């Protein structure tokens, strides 16, 4: 029922099943988005 979710992604939902945010992991960074594709936060690996 959640067409935005793909195998390999990371997704966090609340207890009722509403998506809080999701991300597609990469080697050095990822962007977390809500279920509508809106930006939530960005994480990057640094030295």
ModelCIF file with pLDDT and N, C-alpha, C, O atoms, coordinates in Angstrom:
data_MODEL
#
_entry.id   MODEL 
#
_entity.id                         1 
_entity.type                       polymer 
_entity.pdbx_number_of_molecules   1 
#
_entity_poly.entity_id                      1 
_entity_poly.type                           'polypeptide(L)' 
_entity_poly.nstd_linkage                   no 
_entity_poly.nstd_monomer                   no 
_entity_poly.pdbx_seq_one_letter_code       
;(UNK)(UNK)(UNK)(UNK)(UNK)(UNK)(UNK)(UNK)(UNK)(UNK)(UNK)(UNK)(UNK)(UNK)(UNK)(UNK)
(UNK)(UNK)(UNK)(UNK)(UNK)(UNK)(UNK)(UNK)(UNK)(UNK)(UNK)(UNK)(UNK)(UNK)(UNK)(UNK)
(UNK)(UNK)(UNK)(UNK)(UNK)(UNK)(UNK)(UNK)(UNK)(UNK)(UNK)(UNK)(UNK)(UNK)(UNK)
;
_entity_poly.pdbx_seq_one_letter_code_can   XXXXXXXXXXXXXXXXXXXXXXXXXXXXXXXXXXXXXXXXXXXXXXX 
_entity_poly.pdbx_strand_id                 A 
#
loop_
_entity_poly_seq.entity_id 
_entity_poly_seq.num 
_entity_poly_seq.mon_id 
_entity_poly_seq.hetero 
1 1  UNK n 
1 2  UNK n 
1 3  UNK n 
1 4  UNK n 
1 5  UNK n 
1 6  UNK n 
1 7  UNK n 
1 8  UNK n 
1 9  UNK n 
1 10 UNK n 
1 11 UNK n 
1 12 UNK n 
1 13 UNK n 
1 14 UNK n 
1 15 UNK n 
1 16 UNK n 
1 17 UNK n 
1 18 UNK n 
1 19 UNK n 
1 20 UNK n 
1 21 UNK n 
1 22 UNK n 
1 23 UNK n 
1 24 UNK n 
1 25 UNK n 
1 26 UNK n 
1 27 UNK n 
1 28 UNK n 
1 29 UNK n 
1 30 UNK n 
1 31 UNK n 
1 32 UNK n 
1 33 UNK n 
1 34 UNK n 
1 35 UNK n 
1 36 UNK n 
1 37 UNK n 
1 38 UNK n 
1 39 UNK n 
1 40 UNK n 
1 41 UNK n 
1 42 UNK n 
1 43 UNK n 
1 44 UNK n 
1 45 UNK n 
1 46 UNK n 
1 47 UNK n 
#
_struct_asym.id          A 
_struct_asym.entity_id   1 
#
loop_
_ma_qa_metric.id 
_ma_qa_metric.mode 
_ma_qa_metric.name 
_ma_qa_metric.software_group_id 
_ma_qa_metric.type 
1 global pLDDT . pLDDT 
2 local  pLDDT . pLDDT 
#
_ma_qa_metric_global.metric_id      1 
_ma_qa_metric_global.metric_value   78.26 
_ma_qa_metric_global.model_id       1 
_ma_qa_metric_global.ordinal_id     1 
#
loop_
_ma_qa_metric_local.label_asym_id 
_ma_qa_metric_local.label_comp_id 
_ma_qa_metric_local.label_seq_id 
_ma_qa_metric_local.metric_id 
_ma_qa_metric_local.metric_value 
_ma_qa_metric_local.model_id 
_ma_qa_metric_local.ordinal_id 
A UNK 1  2 42.00 1 1  
A UNK 2  2 47.00 1 2  
A UNK 3  2 39.00 1 3  
A UNK 4  2 54.00 1 4  
A UNK 5  2 54.00 1 5  
A UNK 6  2 69.00 1 6  
A UNK 7  2 69.00 1 7  
A UNK 8  2 70.00 1 8  
A UNK 9  2 80.00 1 9  
A UNK 10 2 83.00 1 10 
A UNK 11 2 86.00 1 11 
A UNK 12 2 87.00 1 12 
A UNK 13 2 90.00 1 13 
A UNK 14 2 91.00 1 14 
A UNK 15 2 92.00 1 15 
A UNK 16 2 93.00 1 16 
A UNK 17 2 90.00 1 17 
A UNK 18 2 90.00 1 18 
A UNK 19 2 88.00 1 19 
A UNK 20 2 86.00 1 20 
A UNK 21 2 84.00 1 21 
A UNK 22 2 86.00 1 22 
A UNK 23 2 84.00 1 23 
A UNK 24 2 79.00 1 24 
A UNK 25 2 74.00 1 25 
A UNK 26 2 75.00 1 26 
A UNK 27 2 71.00 1 27 
A UNK 28 2 77.00 1 28 
A UNK 29 2 78.00 1 29 
A UNK 30 2 79.00 1 30 
A UNK 31 2 83.00 1 31 
A UNK 32 2 83.00 1 32 
A UNK 33 2 84.00 1 33 
A UNK 34 2 83.00 1 34 
A UNK 35 2 80.00 1 35 
A UNK 36 2 84.00 1 36 
A UNK 37 2 84.00 1 37 
A UNK 38 2 86.00 1 38 
A UNK 39 2 84.00 1 39 
A UNK 40 2 81.00 1 40 
A UNK 41 2 80.00 1 41 
A UNK 42 2 81.00 1 42 
A UNK 43 2 80.00 1 43 
A UNK 44 2 81.00 1 44 
A UNK 45 2 79.00 1 45 
A UNK 46 2 80.00 1 46 
A UNK 47 2 78.00 1 47 
#
loop_
_atom_site.group_PDB 
_atom_site.id 
_atom_site.type_symbol 
_atom_site.label_atom_id 
_atom_site.label_alt_id 
_atom_site.label_comp_id 
_atom_site.label_asym_id 
_atom_site.label_entity_id 
_atom_site.label_seq_id 
_atom_site.pdbx_PDB_ins_code 
_atom_site.Cartn_x 
_atom_site.Cartn_y 
_atom_site.Cartn_z 
_atom_site.occupancy 
_atom_site.B_iso_or_equiv 
_atom_site.pdbx_formal_charge 
_atom_site.auth_seq_id 
_atom_site.auth_comp_id 
_atom_site.auth_asym_id 
_atom_site.auth_atom_id 
_atom_site.pdbx_PDB_model_num 
ATOM 1   N N  . UNK A 1 1  ? 0.819  -1.205 0.000  1.00 42.00 ? 1  UNK A N  1 
ATOM 2   C CA . UNK A 1 1  ? 0.000  0.000  0.000  1.00 42.00 ? 1  UNK A CA 1 
ATOM 3   C C  . UNK A 1 1  ? 0.853  1.255  0.000  1.00 42.00 ? 1  UNK A C  1 
ATOM 4   O O  . UNK A 1 1  ? 0.356  2.347  -0.275 1.00 42.00 ? 1  UNK A O  1 
ATOM 5   N N  . UNK A 1 2  ? 2.133  1.106  0.307  1.00 47.00 ? 2  UNK A N  1 
ATOM 6   C CA . UNK A 1 2  ? 3.040  2.246  0.311  1.00 47.00 ? 2  UNK A CA 1 
ATOM 7   C C  . UNK A 1 2  ? 3.921  2.145  -0.929 1.00 47.00 ? 2  UNK A C  1 
ATOM 8   O O  . UNK A 1 2  ? 4.982  1.522  -0.891 1.00 47.00 ? 2  UNK A O  1 
ATOM 9   N N  . UNK A 1 3  ? 3.482  2.761  -2.033 1.00 39.00 ? 3  UNK A N  1 
ATOM 10  C CA . UNK A 1 3  ? 4.172  2.608  -3.305 1.00 39.00 ? 3  UNK A CA 1 
ATOM 11  C C  . UNK A 1 3  ? 5.544  3.257  -3.326 1.00 39.00 ? 3  UNK A C  1 
ATOM 12  O O  . UNK A 1 3  ? 6.324  3.022  -4.249 1.00 39.00 ? 3  UNK A O  1 
ATOM 13  N N  . UNK A 1 4  ? 5.853  4.081  -2.310 1.00 54.00 ? 4  UNK A N  1 
ATOM 14  C CA . UNK A 1 4  ? 7.133  4.782  -2.283 1.00 54.00 ? 4  UNK A CA 1 
ATOM 15  C C  . UNK A 1 4  ? 8.247  3.909  -1.710 1.00 54.00 ? 4  UNK A C  1 
ATOM 16  O O  . UNK A 1 4  ? 9.425  4.231  -1.862 1.00 54.00 ? 4  UNK A O  1 
ATOM 17  N N  . UNK A 1 5  ? 7.886  2.815  -1.057 1.00 54.00 ? 5  UNK A N  1 
ATOM 18  C CA . UNK A 1 5  ? 8.899  1.978  -0.408 1.00 54.00 ? 5  UNK A CA 1 
ATOM 19  C C  . UNK A 1 5  ? 9.470  0.964  -1.378 1.00 54.00 ? 5  UNK A C  1 
ATOM 20  O O  . UNK A 1 5  ? 8.729  0.293  -2.096 1.00 54.00 ? 5  UNK A O  1 
ATOM 21  N N  . UNK A 1 6  ? 10.798 0.852  -1.400 1.00 69.00 ? 6  UNK A N  1 
ATOM 22  C CA . UNK A 1 6  ? 11.476 -0.122 -2.249 1.00 69.00 ? 6  UNK A CA 1 
ATOM 23  C C  . UNK A 1 6  ? 12.369 -0.990 -1.384 1.00 69.00 ? 6  UNK A C  1 
ATOM 24  O O  . UNK A 1 6  ? 12.885 -0.548 -0.357 1.00 69.00 ? 6  UNK A O  1 
ATOM 25  N N  . UNK A 1 7  ? 12.545 -2.225 -1.808 1.00 69.00 ? 7  UNK A N  1 
ATOM 26  C CA . UNK A 1 7  ? 13.457 -3.121 -1.117 1.00 69.00 ? 7  UNK A CA 1 
ATOM 27  C C  . UNK A 1 7  ? 14.854 -2.511 -1.126 1.00 69.00 ? 7  UNK A C  1 
ATOM 28  O O  . UNK A 1 7  ? 15.318 -2.029 -2.159 1.00 69.00 ? 7  UNK A O  1 
ATOM 29  N N  . UNK A 1 8  ? 15.519 -2.533 0.016  1.00 70.00 ? 8  UNK A N  1 
ATOM 30  C CA . UNK A 1 8  ? 16.849 -1.936 0.129  1.00 70.00 ? 8  UNK A CA 1 
ATOM 31  C C  . UNK A 1 8  ? 16.834 -0.563 0.764  1.00 70.00 ? 8  UNK A C  1 
ATOM 32  O O  . UNK A 1 8  ? 17.857 -0.086 1.254  1.00 70.00 ? 8  UNK A O  1 
ATOM 33  N N  . UNK A 1 9  ? 15.653 0.084  0.756  1.00 80.00 ? 9  UNK A N  1 
ATOM 34  C CA . UNK A 1 9  ? 15.521 1.362  1.436  1.00 80.00 ? 9  UNK A CA 1 
ATOM 35  C C  . UNK A 1 9  ? 15.401 1.125  2.940  1.00 80.00 ? 9  UNK A C  1 
ATOM 36  O O  . UNK A 1 9  ? 15.164 0.003  3.388  1.00 80.00 ? 9  UNK A O  1 
ATOM 37  N N  . UNK A 1 10 ? 15.565 2.183  3.697  1.00 83.00 ? 10 UNK A N  1 
ATOM 38  C CA . UNK A 1 10 ? 15.324 2.175  5.129  1.00 83.00 ? 10 UNK A CA 1 
ATOM 39  C C  . UNK A 1 10 ? 14.118 3.067  5.383  1.00 83.00 ? 10 UNK A C  1 
ATOM 40  O O  . UNK A 1 10 ? 14.073 4.200  4.905  1.00 83.00 ? 10 UNK A O  1 
ATOM 41  N N  . UNK A 1 11 ? 13.142 2.568  6.129  1.00 86.00 ? 11 UNK A N  1 
ATOM 42  C CA . UNK A 1 11 ? 11.928 3.335  6.354  1.00 86.00 ? 11 UNK A CA 1 
ATOM 43  C C  . UNK A 1 11 ? 11.500 3.216  7.800  1.00 86.00 ? 11 UNK A C  1 
ATOM 44  O O  . UNK A 1 11 ? 11.547 2.134  8.384  1.00 86.00 ? 11 UNK A O  1 
ATOM 45  N N  . UNK A 1 12 ? 11.080 4.339  8.381  1.00 87.00 ? 12 UNK A N  1 
ATOM 46  C CA . UNK A 1 12 ? 10.599 4.373  9.755  1.00 87.00 ? 12 UNK A CA 1 
ATOM 47  C C  . UNK A 1 12 ? 9.163  4.843  9.765  1.00 87.00 ? 12 UNK A C  1 
ATOM 48  O O  . UNK A 1 12 ? 8.840  5.898  9.218  1.00 87.00 ? 12 UNK A O  1 
ATOM 49  N N  . UNK A 1 13 ? 8.301  4.060  10.389 1.00 90.00 ? 13 UNK A N  1 
ATOM 50  C CA . UNK A 1 13 ? 6.895  4.406  10.526 1.00 90.00 ? 13 UNK A CA 1 
ATOM 51  C C  . UNK A 1 13 ? 6.542  4.510  12.002 1.00 90.00 ? 13 UNK A C  1 
ATOM 52  O O  . UNK A 1 13 ? 7.246  3.966  12.852 1.00 90.00 ? 13 UNK A O  1 
ATOM 53  N N  . UNK A 1 14 ? 5.450  5.210  12.308 1.00 91.00 ? 14 UNK A N  1 
ATOM 54  C CA . UNK A 1 14 ? 4.976  5.239  13.677 1.00 91.00 ? 14 UNK A CA 1 
ATOM 55  C C  . UNK A 1 14 ? 4.210  3.952  13.968 1.00 91.00 ? 14 UNK A C  1 
ATOM 56  O O  . UNK A 1 14 ? 4.112  3.078  13.107 1.00 91.00 ? 14 UNK A O  1 
ATOM 57  N N  . UNK A 1 15 ? 3.672  3.838  15.169 1.00 92.00 ? 15 UNK A N  1 
ATOM 58  C CA . UNK A 1 15 ? 2.996  2.607  15.556 1.00 92.00 ? 15 UNK A CA 1 
ATOM 59  C C  . UNK A 1 15 ? 1.785  2.287  14.726 1.00 92.00 ? 15 UNK A C  1 
ATOM 60  O O  . UNK A 1 15 ? 1.394  1.125  14.617 1.00 92.00 ? 15 UNK A O  1 
ATOM 61  N N  . UNK A 1 16 ? 1.169  3.319  14.125 1.00 93.00 ? 16 UNK A N  1 
ATOM 62  C CA . UNK A 1 16 ? -0.030 3.117  13.309 1.00 93.00 ? 16 UNK A CA 1 
ATOM 63  C C  . UNK A 1 16 ? 0.301  2.826  11.855 1.00 93.00 ? 16 UNK A C  1 
ATOM 64  O O  . UNK A 1 16 ? -0.600 2.583  11.052 1.00 93.00 ? 16 UNK A O  1 
ATOM 65  N N  . UNK A 1 17 ? 1.590  2.847  11.503 1.00 90.00 ? 17 UNK A N  1 
ATOM 66  C CA . UNK A 1 17 ? 1.991  2.549  10.134 1.00 90.00 ? 17 UNK A CA 1 
ATOM 67  C C  . UNK A 1 17 ? 2.159  3.765  9.247  1.00 90.00 ? 17 UNK A C  1 
ATOM 68  O O  . UNK A 1 17 ? 2.350  3.620  8.039  1.00 90.00 ? 17 UNK A O  1 
ATOM 69  N N  . UNK A 1 18 ? 2.092  4.982  9.822  1.00 90.00 ? 18 UNK A N  1 
ATOM 70  C CA . UNK A 1 18 ? 2.305  6.201  9.034  1.00 90.00 ? 18 UNK A CA 1 
ATOM 71  C C  . UNK A 1 18 ? 3.807  6.455  8.897  1.00 90.00 ? 18 UNK A C  1 
ATOM 72  O O  . UNK A 1 18 ? 4.533  6.454  9.890  1.00 90.00 ? 18 UNK A O  1 
ATOM 73  N N  . UNK A 1 19 ? 4.269  6.674  7.661  1.00 88.00 ? 19 UNK A N  1 
ATOM 74  C CA . UNK A 1 19 ? 5.695  6.871  7.417  1.00 88.00 ? 19 UNK A CA 1 
ATOM 75  C C  . UNK A 1 19 ? 6.174  8.202  7.992  1.00 88.00 ? 19 UNK A C  1 
ATOM 76  O O  . UNK A 1 19 ? 5.602  9.256  7.713  1.00 88.00 ? 19 UNK A O  1 
ATOM 77  N N  . UNK A 1 20 ? 7.237  8.135  8.801  1.00 86.00 ? 20 UNK A N  1 
ATOM 78  C CA . UNK A 1 20 ? 7.867  9.336  9.342  1.00 86.00 ? 20 UNK A CA 1 
ATOM 79  C C  . UNK A 1 20 ? 8.932  9.825  8.372  1.00 86.00 ? 20 UNK A C  1 
ATOM 80  O O  . UNK A 1 20 ? 8.954  10.997 7.997  1.00 86.00 ? 20 UNK A O  1 
ATOM 81  N N  . UNK A 1 21 ? 9.805  8.924  7.975  1.00 84.00 ? 21 UNK A N  1 
ATOM 82  C CA . UNK A 1 21 ? 10.749 9.229  6.901  1.00 84.00 ? 21 UNK A CA 1 
ATOM 83  C C  . UNK A 1 21 ? 11.388 7.960  6.390  1.00 84.00 ? 21 UNK A C  1 
ATOM 84  O O  . UNK A 1 21 ? 11.293 6.899  7.007  1.00 84.00 ? 21 UNK A O  1 
ATOM 85  N N  . UNK A 1 22 ? 12.049 8.090  5.240  1.00 86.00 ? 22 UNK A N  1 
ATOM 86  C CA . UNK A 1 22 ? 12.727 6.955  4.621  1.00 86.00 ? 22 UNK A CA 1 
ATOM 87  C C  . UNK A 1 22 ? 13.960 7.468  3.903  1.00 86.00 ? 22 UNK A C  1 
ATOM 88  O O  . UNK A 1 22 ? 14.085 8.664  3.636  1.00 86.00 ? 22 UNK A O  1 
ATOM 89  N N  . UNK A 1 23 ? 14.875 6.551  3.591  1.00 84.00 ? 23 UNK A N  1 
ATOM 90  C CA . UNK A 1 23 ? 16.125 6.926  2.933  1.00 84.00 ? 23 UNK A CA 1 
ATOM 91  C C  . UNK A 1 23 ? 16.654 5.748  2.145  1.00 84.00 ? 23 UNK A C  1 
ATOM 92  O O  . UNK A 1 23 ? 16.403 4.592  2.485  1.00 84.00 ? 23 UNK A O  1 
ATOM 93  N N  . UNK A 1 24 ? 17.387 6.050  1.091  1.00 79.00 ? 24 UNK A N  1 
ATOM 94  C CA . UNK A 1 24 ? 18.109 5.040  0.332  1.00 79.00 ? 24 UNK A CA 1 
ATOM 95  C C  . UNK A 1 24 ? 19.579 5.158  0.686  1.00 79.00 ? 24 UNK A C  1 
ATOM 96  O O  . UNK A 1 24 ? 20.222 6.122  0.271  1.00 79.00 ? 24 UNK A O  1 
ATOM 97  N N  . UNK A 1 25 ? 20.148 4.205  1.446  1.00 74.00 ? 25 UNK A N  1 
ATOM 98  C CA . UNK A 1 25 ? 21.541 4.304  1.866  1.00 74.00 ? 25 UNK A CA 1 
ATOM 99  C C  . UNK A 1 25 ? 22.499 4.301  0.683  1.00 74.00 ? 25 UNK A C  1 
ATOM 100 O O  . UNK A 1 25 ? 22.300 3.583  -0.297 1.00 74.00 ? 25 UNK A O  1 
ATOM 101 N N  . UNK A 1 26 ? 23.550 5.125  0.795  1.00 75.00 ? 26 UNK A N  1 
ATOM 102 C CA . UNK A 1 26 ? 24.627 5.158  -0.175 1.00 75.00 ? 26 UNK A CA 1 
ATOM 103 C C  . UNK A 1 26 ? 25.942 4.987  0.566  1.00 75.00 ? 26 UNK A C  1 
ATOM 104 O O  . UNK A 1 26 ? 25.945 4.813  1.785  1.00 75.00 ? 26 UNK A O  1 
ATOM 105 N N  . UNK A 1 27 ? 27.039 5.032  -0.136 1.00 71.00 ? 27 UNK A N  1 
ATOM 106 C CA . UNK A 1 27 ? 28.337 4.767  0.497  1.00 71.00 ? 27 UNK A CA 1 
ATOM 107 C C  . UNK A 1 27 ? 28.695 5.818  1.532  1.00 71.00 ? 27 UNK A C  1 
ATOM 108 O O  . UNK A 1 27 ? 29.177 5.476  2.612  1.00 71.00 ? 27 UNK A O  1 
ATOM 109 N N  . UNK A 1 28 ? 28.471 7.090  1.227  1.00 77.00 ? 28 UNK A N  1 
ATOM 110 C CA . UNK A 1 28 ? 28.962 8.154  2.102  1.00 77.00 ? 28 UNK A CA 1 
ATOM 111 C C  . UNK A 1 28 ? 27.889 9.113  2.583  1.00 77.00 ? 28 UNK A C  1 
ATOM 112 O O  . UNK A 1 28 ? 28.202 10.028 3.346  1.00 77.00 ? 28 UNK A O  1 
ATOM 113 N N  . UNK A 1 29 ? 26.656 8.948  2.179  1.00 78.00 ? 29 UNK A N  1 
ATOM 114 C CA . UNK A 1 29 ? 25.629 9.907  2.568  1.00 78.00 ? 29 UNK A CA 1 
ATOM 115 C C  . UNK A 1 29 ? 24.250 9.344  2.294  1.00 78.00 ? 29 UNK A C  1 
ATOM 116 O O  . UNK A 1 29 ? 24.106 8.344  1.590  1.00 78.00 ? 29 UNK A O  1 
ATOM 117 N N  . UNK A 1 30 ? 23.239 9.985  2.850  1.00 79.00 ? 30 UNK A N  1 
ATOM 118 C CA . UNK A 1 30 ? 21.872 9.696  2.462  1.00 79.00 ? 30 UNK A CA 1 
ATOM 119 C C  . UNK A 1 30 ? 21.000 10.898 2.796  1.00 79.00 ? 30 UNK A C  1 
ATOM 120 O O  . UNK A 1 30 ? 21.304 11.675 3.700  1.00 79.00 ? 30 UNK A O  1 
ATOM 121 N N  . UNK A 1 31 ? 19.917 11.032 2.051  1.00 83.00 ? 31 UNK A N  1 
ATOM 122 C CA . UNK A 1 31 ? 18.922 12.062 2.303  1.00 83.00 ? 31 UNK A CA 1 
ATOM 123 C C  . UNK A 1 31 ? 17.653 11.388 2.782  1.00 83.00 ? 31 UNK A C  1 
ATOM 124 O O  . UNK A 1 31 ? 17.136 10.488 2.120  1.00 83.00 ? 31 UNK A O  1 
ATOM 125 N N  . UNK A 1 32 ? 17.152 11.814 3.925  1.00 83.00 ? 32 UNK A N  1 
ATOM 126 C CA . UNK A 1 32 ? 15.904 11.275 4.448  1.00 83.00 ? 32 UNK A CA 1 
ATOM 127 C C  . UNK A 1 32 ? 14.756 12.146 3.972  1.00 83.00 ? 32 UNK A C  1 
ATOM 128 O O  . UNK A 1 32 ? 14.836 13.373 4.018  1.00 83.00 ? 32 UNK A O  1 
ATOM 129 N N  . UNK A 1 33 ? 13.686 11.505 3.513  1.00 84.00 ? 33 UNK A N  1 
ATOM 130 C CA . UNK A 1 33 ? 12.509 12.194 3.013  1.00 84.00 ? 33 UNK A CA 1 
ATOM 131 C C  . UNK A 1 33 ? 11.263 11.628 3.672  1.00 84.00 ? 33 UNK A C  1 
ATOM 132 O O  . UNK A 1 33 ? 11.255 10.489 4.140  1.00 84.00 ? 33 UNK A O  1 
ATOM 133 N N  . UNK A 1 34 ? 10.209 12.439 3.704  1.00 83.00 ? 34 UNK A N  1 
ATOM 134 C CA . UNK A 1 34 ? 8.948  11.913 4.203  1.00 83.00 ? 34 UNK A CA 1 
ATOM 135 C C  . UNK A 1 34 ? 8.247  11.147 3.088  1.00 83.00 ? 34 UNK A C  1 
ATOM 136 O O  . UNK A 1 34 ? 8.798  10.999 1.997  1.00 83.00 ? 34 UNK A O  1 
ATOM 137 N N  . UNK A 1 35 ? 7.046  10.663 3.348  1.00 80.00 ? 35 UNK A N  1 
ATOM 138 C CA . UNK A 1 35 ? 6.374  9.790  2.385  1.00 80.00 ? 35 UNK A CA 1 
ATOM 139 C C  . UNK A 1 35 ? 5.941  10.516 1.113  1.00 80.00 ? 35 UNK A C  1 
ATOM 140 O O  . UNK A 1 35 ? 5.604  9.882  0.113  1.00 80.00 ? 35 UNK A O  1 
ATOM 141 N N  . UNK A 1 36 ? 5.953  11.858 1.155  1.00 84.00 ? 36 UNK A N  1 
ATOM 142 C CA . UNK A 1 36 ? 5.596  12.649 -0.025 1.00 84.00 ? 36 UNK A CA 1 
ATOM 143 C C  . UNK A 1 36 ? 6.831  13.117 -0.793 1.00 84.00 ? 36 UNK A C  1 
ATOM 144 O O  . UNK A 1 36 ? 6.716  13.838 -1.783 1.00 84.00 ? 36 UNK A O  1 
ATOM 145 N N  . UNK A 1 37 ? 8.011  12.703 -0.331 1.00 84.00 ? 37 UNK A N  1 
ATOM 146 C CA . UNK A 1 37 ? 9.237  13.094 -0.999 1.00 84.00 ? 37 UNK A CA 1 
ATOM 147 C C  . UNK A 1 37 ? 9.814  14.411 -0.526 1.00 84.00 ? 37 UNK A C  1 
ATOM 148 O O  . UNK A 1 37 ? 10.760 14.921 -1.127 1.00 84.00 ? 37 UNK A O  1 
ATOM 149 N N  . UNK A 1 38 ? 9.257  14.979 0.551  1.00 86.00 ? 38 UNK A N  1 
ATOM 150 C CA . UNK A 1 38 ? 9.779  16.226 1.092  1.00 86.00 ? 38 UNK A CA 1 
ATOM 151 C C  . UNK A 1 38 ? 11.026 15.971 1.933  1.00 86.00 ? 38 UNK A C  1 
ATOM 152 O O  . UNK A 1 38 ? 11.090 14.993 2.677  1.00 86.00 ? 38 UNK A O  1 
ATOM 153 N N  . UNK A 1 39 ? 12.006 16.846 1.813  1.00 84.00 ? 39 UNK A N  1 
ATOM 154 C CA . UNK A 1 39 ? 13.260 16.718 2.536  1.00 84.00 ? 39 UNK A CA 1 
ATOM 155 C C  . UNK A 1 39 ? 13.028 16.752 4.047  1.00 84.00 ? 39 UNK A C  1 
ATOM 156 O O  . UNK A 1 39 ? 12.251 17.571 4.540  1.00 84.00 ? 39 UNK A O  1 
ATOM 157 N N  . UNK A 1 40 ? 13.706 15.859 4.784  1.00 81.00 ? 40 UNK A N  1 
ATOM 158 C CA . UNK A 1 40 ? 13.637 15.842 6.240  1.00 81.00 ? 40 UNK A CA 1 
ATOM 159 C C  . UNK A 1 40 ? 14.996 16.193 6.839  1.00 81.00 ? 40 UNK A C  1 
ATOM 160 O O  . UNK A 1 40 ? 15.111 17.163 7.589  1.00 81.00 ? 40 UNK A O  1 
ATOM 161 N N  . UNK A 1 41 ? 16.030 15.409 6.514  1.00 80.00 ? 41 UNK A N  1 
ATOM 162 C CA . UNK A 1 41 ? 17.384 15.768 6.920  1.00 80.00 ? 41 UNK A CA 1 
ATOM 163 C C  . UNK A 1 41 ? 18.395 15.038 6.055  1.00 80.00 ? 41 UNK A C  1 
ATOM 164 O O  . UNK A 1 41 ? 18.061 14.084 5.352  1.00 80.00 ? 41 UNK A O  1 
ATOM 165 N N  . UNK A 1 42 ? 19.622 15.497 6.116  1.00 81.00 ? 42 UNK A N  1 
ATOM 166 C CA . UNK A 1 42 ? 20.710 14.955 5.300  1.00 81.00 ? 42 UNK A CA 1 
ATOM 167 C C  . UNK A 1 42 ? 21.841 14.516 6.218  1.00 81.00 ? 42 UNK A C  1 
ATOM 168 O O  . UNK A 1 42 ? 22.161 15.208 7.185  1.00 81.00 ? 42 UNK A O  1 
ATOM 169 N N  . UNK A 1 43 ? 22.446 13.372 5.923  1.00 80.00 ? 43 UNK A N  1 
ATOM 170 C CA . UNK A 1 43 ? 23.578 12.863 6.698  1.00 80.00 ? 43 UNK A CA 1 
ATOM 171 C C  . UNK A 1 43 ? 24.711 12.537 5.744  1.00 80.00 ? 43 UNK A C  1 
ATOM 172 O O  . UNK A 1 43 ? 24.488 11.924 4.701  1.00 80.00 ? 43 UNK A O  1 
ATOM 173 N N  . UNK A 1 44 ? 25.931 12.943 6.094  1.00 81.00 ? 44 UNK A N  1 
ATOM 174 C CA . UNK A 1 44 ? 27.087 12.609 5.271  1.00 81.00 ? 44 UNK A CA 1 
ATOM 175 C C  . UNK A 1 44 ? 28.247 12.145 6.145  1.00 81.00 ? 44 UNK A C  1 
ATOM 176 O O  . UNK A 1 44 ? 28.418 12.592 7.279  1.00 81.00 ? 44 UNK A O  1 
ATOM 177 N N  . UNK A 1 45 ? 29.036 11.239 5.584  1.00 79.00 ? 45 UNK A N  1 
ATOM 178 C CA . UNK A 1 45 ? 30.240 10.750 6.256  1.00 79.00 ? 45 UNK A CA 1 
ATOM 179 C C  . UNK A 1 45 ? 31.357 11.763 6.026  1.00 79.00 ? 45 UNK A C  1 
ATOM 180 O O  . UNK A 1 45 ? 31.541 12.250 4.911  1.00 79.00 ? 45 UNK A O  1 
ATOM 181 N N  . UNK A 1 46 ? 32.101 12.078 7.086  1.00 80.00 ? 46 UNK A N  1 
ATOM 182 C CA . UNK A 1 46 ? 33.204 13.036 6.976  1.00 80.00 ? 46 UNK A CA 1 
ATOM 183 C C  . UNK A 1 46 ? 34.451 12.454 7.627  1.00 80.00 ? 46 UNK A C  1 
ATOM 184 O O  . UNK A 1 46 ? 34.384 11.454 8.341  1.00 80.00 ? 46 UNK A O  1 
ATOM 185 N N  . UNK A 1 47 ? 35.574 13.086 7.376  1.00 78.00 ? 47 UNK A N  1 
ATOM 186 C CA . UNK A 1 47 ? 36.828 12.665 7.991  1.00 78.00 ? 47 UNK A CA 1 
ATOM 187 C C  . UNK A 1 47 ? 36.972 13.330 9.353  1.00 78.00 ? 47 UNK A C  1 
ATOM 188 O O  . UNK A 1 47 ? 37.966 13.110 10.045 1.00 78.00 ? 47 UNK A O  1 
#
